[in-house]
């Protein structure tokens, strides 16, 4: 089976050697909508392909770190199901949370890709080695990004970034072969 994913060479070079992926949640892992039941419980919609992409990057040695200004039971359930352990919720200052995560992982900003969609994500995007924004991100975030995904948040943007990182790492083809076997 031949890989069909194609990314520009300069993008792959910029993404080479990264070992940490910092992700925002609302507007990145979800569509950014806030859904509530009549009882006031929050609901979140996650894209299954984004989740599979996160599992693939974990298998390849890239550590996902989730940093969100919000917290919810649906989010905790999804992160637990994906096996993501580096989680910072209700993060008033995402930069402080990211620096804490990097310290725990023994990593530097030069080891990181980050994806965010709004102003609170800008400090992370400006420091990481590879800044990404989903297609539906705020204009200021789009301007700060090294790459803007073709997909919107909650609709495959995370999977697209995962595929790019796997391609840059040189393991996309083998993972595809393993899946097709």
N, C-alpha and C. Protein backbone atom coordinates (compact mmCIF):
# COMPACT_ATOMS: atom_id res chain seq x y z
N UNK A 1 0.85 -1.18 0.00
CA UNK A 1 0.00 0.00 0.00
C UNK A 1 0.89 1.24 0.00
N UNK A 2 0.59 2.17 -0.89
CA UNK A 2 1.38 3.39 -1.04
C UNK A 2 0.71 4.54 -0.29
N UNK A 3 1.52 5.29 0.47
CA UNK A 3 1.00 6.45 1.20
C UNK A 3 0.53 7.52 0.23
N UNK A 4 -0.62 8.09 0.50
CA UNK A 4 -1.19 9.13 -0.36
C UNK A 4 -0.99 10.53 0.21
N UNK A 5 -0.62 10.61 1.48
CA UNK A 5 -0.44 11.92 2.11
C UNK A 5 0.77 12.62 1.51
N UNK A 6 0.61 13.89 1.20
CA UNK A 6 1.68 14.71 0.65
C UNK A 6 1.73 16.03 1.41
N UNK A 7 2.92 16.41 1.82
CA UNK A 7 3.11 17.70 2.48
C UNK A 7 4.32 18.37 1.84
N UNK A 8 4.35 19.69 1.77
CA UNK A 8 5.51 20.39 1.21
C UNK A 8 6.79 20.06 1.99
N UNK A 9 7.88 19.95 1.26
CA UNK A 9 9.17 19.57 1.86
C UNK A 9 9.57 20.53 2.99
N UNK A 10 9.38 21.84 2.81
CA UNK A 10 9.79 22.80 3.84
C UNK A 10 8.99 22.61 5.12
N UNK A 11 7.75 22.18 5.00
CA UNK A 11 6.92 21.91 6.18
C UNK A 11 7.43 20.67 6.91
N UNK A 12 7.77 19.64 6.16
CA UNK A 12 8.30 18.41 6.76
C UNK A 12 9.63 18.67 7.44
N UNK A 13 10.47 19.49 6.84
CA UNK A 13 11.76 19.83 7.47
C UNK A 13 11.54 20.56 8.78
N UNK A 14 10.60 21.48 8.81
CA UNK A 14 10.32 22.24 10.03
C UNK A 14 9.77 21.34 11.13
N UNK A 15 9.04 20.29 10.75
CA UNK A 15 8.41 19.39 11.72
C UNK A 15 9.29 18.20 12.11
N UNK A 16 10.45 18.06 11.50
CA UNK A 16 11.32 16.92 11.82
C UNK A 16 11.86 17.00 13.24
N UNK A 17 11.95 15.84 13.87
CA UNK A 17 12.60 15.74 15.16
C UNK A 17 11.76 16.18 16.34
N UNK A 18 10.51 16.50 16.13
CA UNK A 18 9.66 16.96 17.24
C UNK A 18 9.18 15.75 18.05
N UNK A 19 9.10 15.93 19.36
CA UNK A 19 8.73 14.81 20.23
C UNK A 19 7.60 15.15 21.20
N UNK A 20 7.07 16.37 21.11
CA UNK A 20 5.96 16.80 21.96
C UNK A 20 4.93 17.51 21.08
N UNK A 21 3.66 17.19 21.30
CA UNK A 21 2.57 17.85 20.60
C UNK A 21 1.63 18.46 21.63
N UNK A 22 1.62 19.78 21.71
CA UNK A 22 0.75 20.50 22.64
C UNK A 22 -0.55 20.84 21.92
N UNK A 23 -1.67 20.47 22.56
CA UNK A 23 -2.98 20.67 21.95
C UNK A 23 -3.91 21.47 22.85
N UNK A 24 -4.59 22.43 22.27
CA UNK A 24 -5.74 23.07 22.89
C UNK A 24 -6.91 22.11 22.68
N UNK A 25 -8.03 22.36 23.34
CA UNK A 25 -9.19 21.47 23.19
C UNK A 25 -10.30 22.16 22.39
N UNK A 26 -10.97 23.14 22.98
CA UNK A 26 -12.12 23.77 22.33
C UNK A 26 -11.68 24.54 21.09
N UNK A 27 -12.21 24.14 19.95
CA UNK A 27 -11.83 24.75 18.69
C UNK A 27 -10.70 24.03 17.99
N UNK A 28 -10.10 23.04 18.64
CA UNK A 28 -9.02 22.25 18.06
C UNK A 28 -9.42 20.77 18.06
N UNK A 29 -9.56 20.21 19.26
CA UNK A 29 -10.02 18.82 19.37
C UNK A 29 -11.55 18.73 19.23
N UNK A 30 -12.22 19.86 19.41
CA UNK A 30 -13.68 19.94 19.22
C UNK A 30 -13.95 21.06 18.21
N UNK A 31 -15.20 21.20 17.82
CA UNK A 31 -15.57 22.24 16.86
C UNK A 31 -15.67 23.63 17.50
N UNK A 32 -15.45 23.71 18.79
CA UNK A 32 -15.49 25.00 19.48
C UNK A 32 -16.86 25.36 20.02
N UNK A 33 -17.87 24.58 19.66
CA UNK A 33 -19.21 24.83 20.19
C UNK A 33 -19.31 24.39 21.64
N UNK A 34 -20.13 25.07 22.40
CA UNK A 34 -20.40 24.67 23.78
C UNK A 34 -21.82 24.14 23.82
N UNK A 35 -21.95 22.87 24.15
CA UNK A 35 -23.24 22.20 24.17
C UNK A 35 -23.60 21.86 25.61
N UNK A 36 -24.85 22.12 26.01
CA UNK A 36 -25.30 21.85 27.37
C UNK A 36 -26.63 21.12 27.34
N UNK A 37 -26.78 20.16 28.25
CA UNK A 37 -28.07 19.49 28.40
C UNK A 37 -28.99 20.41 29.20
N UNK A 38 -30.26 20.03 29.32
CA UNK A 38 -31.21 20.80 30.12
C UNK A 38 -30.77 20.88 31.58
N UNK A 39 -30.03 19.87 32.03
CA UNK A 39 -29.54 19.85 33.41
C UNK A 39 -28.25 20.65 33.58
N UNK A 40 -27.75 21.25 32.50
CA UNK A 40 -26.55 22.07 32.58
C UNK A 40 -25.25 21.29 32.40
N UNK A 41 -25.34 20.01 32.08
CA UNK A 41 -24.13 19.22 31.84
C UNK A 41 -23.57 19.56 30.47
N UNK A 42 -22.26 19.65 30.38
CA UNK A 42 -21.66 19.97 29.09
C UNK A 42 -21.48 18.71 28.26
N UNK A 43 -21.59 18.90 26.95
CA UNK A 43 -21.36 17.84 25.98
C UNK A 43 -20.27 18.31 25.04
N UNK A 44 -19.46 17.38 24.56
CA UNK A 44 -18.42 17.71 23.59
C UNK A 44 -18.44 16.68 22.48
N UNK A 45 -18.16 17.12 21.28
CA UNK A 45 -18.08 16.24 20.12
C UNK A 45 -16.62 16.15 19.69
N UNK A 46 -16.10 14.95 19.64
CA UNK A 46 -14.73 14.70 19.21
C UNK A 46 -14.75 13.91 17.91
N UNK A 47 -13.77 14.13 17.06
CA UNK A 47 -13.67 13.43 15.79
C UNK A 47 -12.84 12.16 16.01
N UNK A 48 -13.39 11.02 15.62
CA UNK A 48 -12.73 9.74 15.87
C UNK A 48 -11.38 9.64 15.15
N UNK A 49 -11.25 10.24 13.97
CA UNK A 49 -9.97 10.18 13.27
C UNK A 49 -8.89 10.99 13.98
N UNK A 50 -9.27 12.08 14.63
CA UNK A 50 -8.31 12.83 15.45
C UNK A 50 -7.75 11.93 16.55
N UNK A 51 -8.64 11.19 17.20
CA UNK A 51 -8.22 10.29 18.26
C UNK A 51 -7.28 9.22 17.78
N UNK A 52 -7.57 8.64 16.61
CA UNK A 52 -6.69 7.61 16.07
C UNK A 52 -5.32 8.21 15.72
N UNK A 53 -5.32 9.41 15.19
CA UNK A 53 -4.06 10.08 14.90
C UNK A 53 -3.24 10.31 16.15
N UNK A 54 -3.89 10.68 17.25
CA UNK A 54 -3.17 10.87 18.52
C UNK A 54 -2.59 9.55 19.02
N UNK A 55 -3.31 8.46 18.83
CA UNK A 55 -2.76 7.15 19.21
C UNK A 55 -1.52 6.82 18.36
N UNK A 56 -1.58 7.15 17.08
CA UNK A 56 -0.45 6.88 16.19
C UNK A 56 0.79 7.69 16.59
N UNK A 57 0.62 8.96 16.91
CA UNK A 57 1.79 9.75 17.30
C UNK A 57 2.37 9.24 18.62
N UNK A 58 1.51 8.79 19.53
CA UNK A 58 2.01 8.20 20.77
C UNK A 58 2.85 6.98 20.46
N UNK A 59 2.38 6.12 19.55
CA UNK A 59 3.13 4.92 19.17
C UNK A 59 4.47 5.27 18.56
N UNK A 60 4.55 6.42 17.91
CA UNK A 60 5.80 6.82 17.25
C UNK A 60 6.74 7.57 18.18
N UNK A 61 6.35 7.76 19.44
CA UNK A 61 7.24 8.42 20.40
C UNK A 61 6.99 9.91 20.58
N UNK A 62 5.92 10.43 20.04
CA UNK A 62 5.57 11.84 20.23
C UNK A 62 4.56 11.91 21.37
N UNK A 63 4.87 12.71 22.38
CA UNK A 63 4.03 12.83 23.58
C UNK A 63 3.00 13.93 23.42
N UNK A 64 1.69 13.57 23.42
CA UNK A 64 0.67 14.62 23.39
C UNK A 64 0.49 15.25 24.77
N UNK A 65 0.37 16.56 24.78
CA UNK A 65 0.12 17.33 26.00
C UNK A 65 -1.12 18.16 25.74
N UNK A 66 -2.15 17.98 26.54
CA UNK A 66 -3.39 18.72 26.37
C UNK A 66 -3.46 19.83 27.41
N UNK A 67 -3.65 21.05 26.93
CA UNK A 67 -3.77 22.21 27.80
C UNK A 67 -5.04 22.96 27.43
N UNK A 68 -5.96 23.06 28.38
CA UNK A 68 -7.24 23.70 28.12
C UNK A 68 -7.59 24.67 29.24
N UNK A 69 -8.24 25.73 28.88
CA UNK A 69 -8.73 26.69 29.86
C UNK A 69 -10.01 26.22 30.53
N UNK A 70 -10.56 25.11 30.05
CA UNK A 70 -11.80 24.57 30.58
C UNK A 70 -11.58 23.14 31.06
N UNK A 71 -12.57 22.61 31.76
CA UNK A 71 -12.58 21.23 32.23
C UNK A 71 -13.99 20.70 32.07
N UNK A 72 -14.11 19.43 31.77
CA UNK A 72 -15.43 18.80 31.69
C UNK A 72 -15.27 17.30 31.80
N UNK A 73 -16.32 16.65 32.24
CA UNK A 73 -16.32 15.19 32.34
C UNK A 73 -16.14 14.55 30.95
N UNK A 74 -16.83 15.06 29.90
CA UNK A 74 -16.62 14.44 28.58
C UNK A 74 -15.17 14.53 28.11
N UNK A 75 -14.52 15.65 28.39
CA UNK A 75 -13.13 15.81 28.01
C UNK A 75 -12.25 14.82 28.76
N UNK A 76 -12.43 14.71 30.05
CA UNK A 76 -11.64 13.76 30.84
C UNK A 76 -11.84 12.33 30.34
N UNK A 77 -13.07 11.99 30.01
CA UNK A 77 -13.36 10.65 29.49
C UNK A 77 -12.61 10.40 28.18
N UNK A 78 -12.64 11.38 27.28
CA UNK A 78 -11.97 11.23 25.99
C UNK A 78 -10.46 11.10 26.16
N UNK A 79 -9.87 11.93 27.00
CA UNK A 79 -8.42 11.87 27.19
C UNK A 79 -8.00 10.57 27.84
N UNK A 80 -8.79 10.09 28.79
CA UNK A 80 -8.49 8.80 29.42
C UNK A 80 -8.54 7.68 28.38
N UNK A 81 -9.57 7.71 27.52
CA UNK A 81 -9.73 6.67 26.49
C UNK A 81 -8.56 6.68 25.51
N UNK A 82 -7.98 7.84 25.28
CA UNK A 82 -6.84 7.95 24.36
C UNK A 82 -5.50 7.68 25.05
N UNK A 83 -5.52 7.52 26.36
CA UNK A 83 -4.28 7.26 27.09
C UNK A 83 -3.38 8.47 27.21
N UNK A 84 -3.95 9.66 27.12
CA UNK A 84 -3.16 10.89 27.24
C UNK A 84 -3.04 11.22 28.72
N UNK A 85 -1.82 11.27 29.21
CA UNK A 85 -1.58 11.48 30.64
C UNK A 85 -1.08 12.88 30.98
N UNK A 86 -0.52 13.57 30.00
CA UNK A 86 -0.06 14.94 30.24
C UNK A 86 -1.23 15.89 29.96
N UNK A 87 -1.99 16.19 31.00
CA UNK A 87 -3.23 16.94 30.87
C UNK A 87 -3.24 18.08 31.88
N UNK A 88 -3.54 19.29 31.38
CA UNK A 88 -3.62 20.48 32.22
C UNK A 88 -4.95 21.16 31.90
N UNK A 89 -5.91 21.04 32.82
CA UNK A 89 -7.24 21.59 32.62
C UNK A 89 -7.46 22.79 33.52
N UNK A 90 -8.39 23.64 33.16
CA UNK A 90 -8.63 24.90 33.86
C UNK A 90 -7.35 25.74 33.94
N UNK A 91 -6.56 25.67 32.89
CA UNK A 91 -5.28 26.38 32.86
C UNK A 91 -5.53 27.86 32.59
N UNK A 92 -5.39 28.66 33.64
CA UNK A 92 -5.58 30.11 33.49
C UNK A 92 -4.46 30.71 32.63
N UNK A 93 -3.27 30.13 32.72
CA UNK A 93 -2.11 30.59 31.96
C UNK A 93 -1.52 29.37 31.26
N UNK A 94 -1.79 29.25 29.97
CA UNK A 94 -1.34 28.08 29.22
C UNK A 94 0.17 28.00 29.11
N UNK A 95 0.84 29.14 29.13
CA UNK A 95 2.30 29.13 29.05
C UNK A 95 2.90 28.48 30.29
N UNK A 96 2.38 28.80 31.45
CA UNK A 96 2.86 28.18 32.70
C UNK A 96 2.63 26.67 32.66
N UNK A 97 1.45 26.26 32.20
CA UNK A 97 1.14 24.83 32.10
C UNK A 97 2.09 24.13 31.14
N UNK A 98 2.34 24.75 30.00
CA UNK A 98 3.24 24.15 29.00
C UNK A 98 4.66 24.04 29.53
N UNK A 99 5.13 25.07 30.21
CA UNK A 99 6.49 25.01 30.77
C UNK A 99 6.60 23.92 31.83
N UNK A 100 5.53 23.72 32.59
CA UNK A 100 5.50 22.65 33.57
C UNK A 100 5.58 21.29 32.88
N UNK A 101 4.80 21.12 31.83
CA UNK A 101 4.80 19.86 31.08
C UNK A 101 6.17 19.58 30.48
N UNK A 102 6.77 20.59 29.87
CA UNK A 102 8.09 20.41 29.28
C UNK A 102 9.12 20.03 30.34
N UNK A 103 9.03 20.65 31.50
CA UNK A 103 9.94 20.31 32.59
C UNK A 103 9.78 18.87 33.04
N UNK A 104 8.55 18.43 33.18
CA UNK A 104 8.29 17.04 33.58
C UNK A 104 8.78 16.04 32.54
N UNK A 105 8.69 16.43 31.27
CA UNK A 105 9.10 15.54 30.18
C UNK A 105 10.59 15.66 29.85
N UNK A 106 11.26 16.64 30.44
CA UNK A 106 12.66 16.87 30.12
C UNK A 106 12.85 17.37 28.69
N UNK A 107 11.93 18.18 28.22
CA UNK A 107 11.95 18.67 26.84
C UNK A 107 12.07 20.19 26.81
N UNK A 108 12.36 20.71 25.62
CA UNK A 108 12.49 22.14 25.38
C UNK A 108 11.43 22.58 24.36
N UNK A 109 11.27 23.88 24.19
CA UNK A 109 10.33 24.40 23.19
C UNK A 109 10.73 23.96 21.79
N UNK A 110 12.01 23.75 21.56
CA UNK A 110 12.48 23.31 20.24
C UNK A 110 12.05 21.88 19.92
N UNK A 111 11.51 21.15 20.89
CA UNK A 111 11.02 19.79 20.69
C UNK A 111 9.52 19.76 20.39
N UNK A 112 8.87 20.92 20.36
CA UNK A 112 7.40 20.98 20.37
C UNK A 112 6.76 21.47 19.08
N UNK A 113 5.64 20.80 18.79
CA UNK A 113 4.64 21.35 17.88
C UNK A 113 3.48 21.76 18.78
N UNK A 114 2.74 22.77 18.38
CA UNK A 114 1.56 23.19 19.14
C UNK A 114 0.47 23.57 18.16
N UNK A 115 -0.77 23.27 18.55
CA UNK A 115 -1.93 23.65 17.74
C UNK A 115 -2.93 24.36 18.63
N UNK A 116 -3.36 25.53 18.19
CA UNK A 116 -4.31 26.33 18.94
C UNK A 116 -5.15 27.17 17.99
N UNK A 117 -6.25 27.70 18.53
CA UNK A 117 -7.19 28.42 17.66
C UNK A 117 -7.52 29.84 18.09
N UNK A 118 -7.08 30.26 19.30
CA UNK A 118 -7.50 31.59 19.75
C UNK A 118 -6.38 32.24 20.56
N UNK A 119 -6.59 33.46 20.98
CA UNK A 119 -5.55 34.26 21.62
C UNK A 119 -4.84 33.58 22.80
N UNK A 120 -5.54 32.86 23.68
CA UNK A 120 -4.81 32.24 24.79
C UNK A 120 -3.74 31.23 24.34
N UNK A 121 -3.80 30.79 23.08
CA UNK A 121 -2.83 29.84 22.55
C UNK A 121 -1.60 30.52 21.95
N UNK A 122 -1.68 31.82 21.71
CA UNK A 122 -0.59 32.53 21.05
C UNK A 122 0.77 32.41 21.76
N UNK A 123 0.84 32.51 23.09
CA UNK A 123 2.15 32.36 23.73
C UNK A 123 2.82 31.02 23.44
N UNK A 124 2.01 29.96 23.31
CA UNK A 124 2.55 28.64 23.01
C UNK A 124 3.01 28.58 21.55
N UNK A 125 2.18 29.10 20.66
CA UNK A 125 2.49 29.06 19.24
C UNK A 125 3.74 29.88 18.92
N UNK A 126 3.94 30.95 19.65
CA UNK A 126 5.11 31.80 19.39
C UNK A 126 6.42 31.19 19.91
N UNK A 127 6.34 30.25 20.84
CA UNK A 127 7.55 29.66 21.42
C UNK A 127 7.92 28.30 20.83
N UNK A 128 6.95 27.57 20.34
CA UNK A 128 7.21 26.20 19.88
C UNK A 128 7.96 26.22 18.55
N UNK A 129 8.52 25.07 18.21
CA UNK A 129 9.27 24.94 16.96
C UNK A 129 8.36 24.91 15.74
N UNK A 130 7.13 24.43 15.93
CA UNK A 130 6.21 24.27 14.81
C UNK A 130 4.81 24.63 15.26
N UNK A 131 4.31 25.78 14.81
CA UNK A 131 3.01 26.31 15.23
C UNK A 131 1.96 26.00 14.17
N UNK A 132 0.83 25.46 14.63
CA UNK A 132 -0.24 25.05 13.72
C UNK A 132 -1.57 25.62 14.20
N UNK A 133 -2.40 25.98 13.23
CA UNK A 133 -3.75 26.47 13.52
C UNK A 133 -4.74 25.70 12.67
N UNK A 134 -5.89 25.34 13.23
CA UNK A 134 -6.93 24.76 12.39
C UNK A 134 -7.51 25.84 11.48
N UNK A 135 -8.16 25.41 10.40
CA UNK A 135 -8.68 26.34 9.41
C UNK A 135 -9.64 27.38 9.99
N UNK A 136 -10.34 27.03 11.08
CA UNK A 136 -11.32 27.94 11.67
C UNK A 136 -10.76 28.79 12.80
N UNK A 137 -9.45 28.87 12.92
CA UNK A 137 -8.83 29.66 13.99
C UNK A 137 -9.05 31.16 13.79
N UNK A 138 -8.89 31.90 14.88
CA UNK A 138 -8.97 33.36 14.83
C UNK A 138 -7.86 33.88 13.91
N UNK A 139 -8.12 35.00 13.26
CA UNK A 139 -7.20 35.58 12.29
C UNK A 139 -5.80 35.81 12.86
N UNK A 140 -5.69 36.25 14.10
CA UNK A 140 -4.37 36.49 14.70
C UNK A 140 -3.59 35.18 14.88
N UNK A 141 -4.30 34.12 15.16
CA UNK A 141 -3.66 32.81 15.32
C UNK A 141 -3.23 32.28 13.96
N UNK A 142 -4.08 32.45 12.96
CA UNK A 142 -3.71 32.04 11.60
C UNK A 142 -2.41 32.72 11.17
N UNK A 143 -2.27 33.99 11.51
CA UNK A 143 -1.07 34.75 11.13
C UNK A 143 0.17 34.25 11.86
N UNK A 144 0.02 33.68 13.04
CA UNK A 144 1.16 33.20 13.83
C UNK A 144 1.57 31.78 13.48
N UNK A 145 0.78 31.10 12.68
CA UNK A 145 1.01 29.68 12.40
C UNK A 145 2.02 29.44 11.28
N UNK A 146 2.82 28.39 11.45
CA UNK A 146 3.69 27.90 10.38
C UNK A 146 2.87 27.12 9.36
N UNK A 147 1.77 26.53 9.86
CA UNK A 147 0.90 25.72 9.00
C UNK A 147 -0.55 25.89 9.44
N UNK A 148 -1.44 26.06 8.48
CA UNK A 148 -2.87 26.10 8.74
C UNK A 148 -3.45 24.85 8.11
N UNK A 149 -4.15 24.06 8.90
CA UNK A 149 -4.72 22.81 8.38
C UNK A 149 -5.85 23.10 7.40
N UNK A 150 -6.08 22.17 6.52
CA UNK A 150 -7.20 22.27 5.60
C UNK A 150 -8.52 22.03 6.32
N UNK A 151 -8.44 21.31 7.44
CA UNK A 151 -9.63 20.95 8.20
C UNK A 151 -9.84 21.90 9.39
N UNK A 152 -11.07 22.02 9.80
CA UNK A 152 -11.41 22.82 10.98
C UNK A 152 -11.22 22.01 12.24
N UNK A 153 -11.16 22.72 13.37
CA UNK A 153 -11.09 22.05 14.66
C UNK A 153 -12.30 21.17 14.87
N UNK A 154 -12.05 19.97 15.42
CA UNK A 154 -13.12 19.01 15.66
C UNK A 154 -13.57 18.28 14.42
N UNK A 155 -12.94 18.58 13.29
CA UNK A 155 -13.32 17.97 12.01
C UNK A 155 -12.12 17.44 11.24
N UNK A 156 -11.11 16.97 11.96
CA UNK A 156 -9.96 16.36 11.32
C UNK A 156 -8.68 17.17 11.34
N UNK A 157 -8.69 18.35 11.93
CA UNK A 157 -7.47 19.17 11.99
C UNK A 157 -6.36 18.47 12.76
N UNK A 158 -6.71 17.84 13.88
CA UNK A 158 -5.70 17.16 14.69
C UNK A 158 -5.13 15.97 13.92
N UNK A 159 -5.97 15.21 13.24
CA UNK A 159 -5.48 14.07 12.46
C UNK A 159 -4.53 14.54 11.37
N UNK A 160 -4.89 15.64 10.70
CA UNK A 160 -4.02 16.17 9.65
C UNK A 160 -2.64 16.51 10.23
N UNK A 161 -2.61 17.15 11.38
CA UNK A 161 -1.34 17.48 12.02
C UNK A 161 -0.59 16.21 12.42
N UNK A 162 -1.30 15.23 12.96
CA UNK A 162 -0.65 13.97 13.33
C UNK A 162 -0.02 13.30 12.10
N UNK A 163 -0.75 13.28 10.99
CA UNK A 163 -0.22 12.70 9.77
C UNK A 163 1.03 13.44 9.30
N UNK A 164 1.01 14.75 9.41
CA UNK A 164 2.18 15.55 9.03
C UNK A 164 3.38 15.20 9.91
N UNK A 165 3.16 15.12 11.22
CA UNK A 165 4.26 14.80 12.14
C UNK A 165 4.79 13.39 11.89
N UNK A 166 3.90 12.45 11.61
CA UNK A 166 4.32 11.07 11.33
C UNK A 166 5.11 11.00 10.02
N UNK A 167 4.70 11.78 9.04
CA UNK A 167 5.43 11.83 7.77
C UNK A 167 6.81 12.45 7.98
N UNK A 168 6.88 13.54 8.74
CA UNK A 168 8.16 14.19 9.02
C UNK A 168 9.09 13.27 9.80
N UNK A 169 8.53 12.44 10.65
CA UNK A 169 9.31 11.50 11.45
C UNK A 169 9.76 10.29 10.62
N UNK A 170 9.14 10.12 9.47
CA UNK A 170 9.51 9.01 8.59
C UNK A 170 8.85 7.69 8.92
N UNK A 171 7.78 7.72 9.72
CA UNK A 171 7.14 6.45 10.11
C UNK A 171 5.72 6.31 9.59
N UNK A 172 5.22 7.30 8.86
CA UNK A 172 3.85 7.23 8.34
C UNK A 172 3.64 5.99 7.46
N UNK A 173 4.54 5.77 6.53
CA UNK A 173 4.41 4.64 5.60
C UNK A 173 4.38 3.31 6.30
N UNK A 174 5.25 3.12 7.29
CA UNK A 174 5.28 1.86 8.00
C UNK A 174 4.01 1.66 8.84
N UNK A 175 3.55 2.71 9.48
CA UNK A 175 2.30 2.61 10.25
C UNK A 175 1.13 2.26 9.33
N UNK A 176 1.12 2.84 8.14
CA UNK A 176 0.08 2.54 7.16
C UNK A 176 0.16 1.07 6.74
N UNK A 177 1.38 0.62 6.46
CA UNK A 177 1.55 -0.80 6.09
C UNK A 177 1.08 -1.73 7.19
N UNK A 178 1.44 -1.41 8.44
CA UNK A 178 1.03 -2.24 9.59
C UNK A 178 -0.49 -2.29 9.70
N UNK A 179 -1.15 -1.14 9.46
CA UNK A 179 -2.60 -1.08 9.57
C UNK A 179 -3.28 -1.87 8.47
N UNK A 180 -2.66 -1.92 7.29
CA UNK A 180 -3.25 -2.59 6.14
C UNK A 180 -2.97 -4.10 6.13
N UNK A 181 -2.09 -4.53 6.99
CA UNK A 181 -1.70 -5.96 6.99
C UNK A 181 -2.79 -6.85 7.55
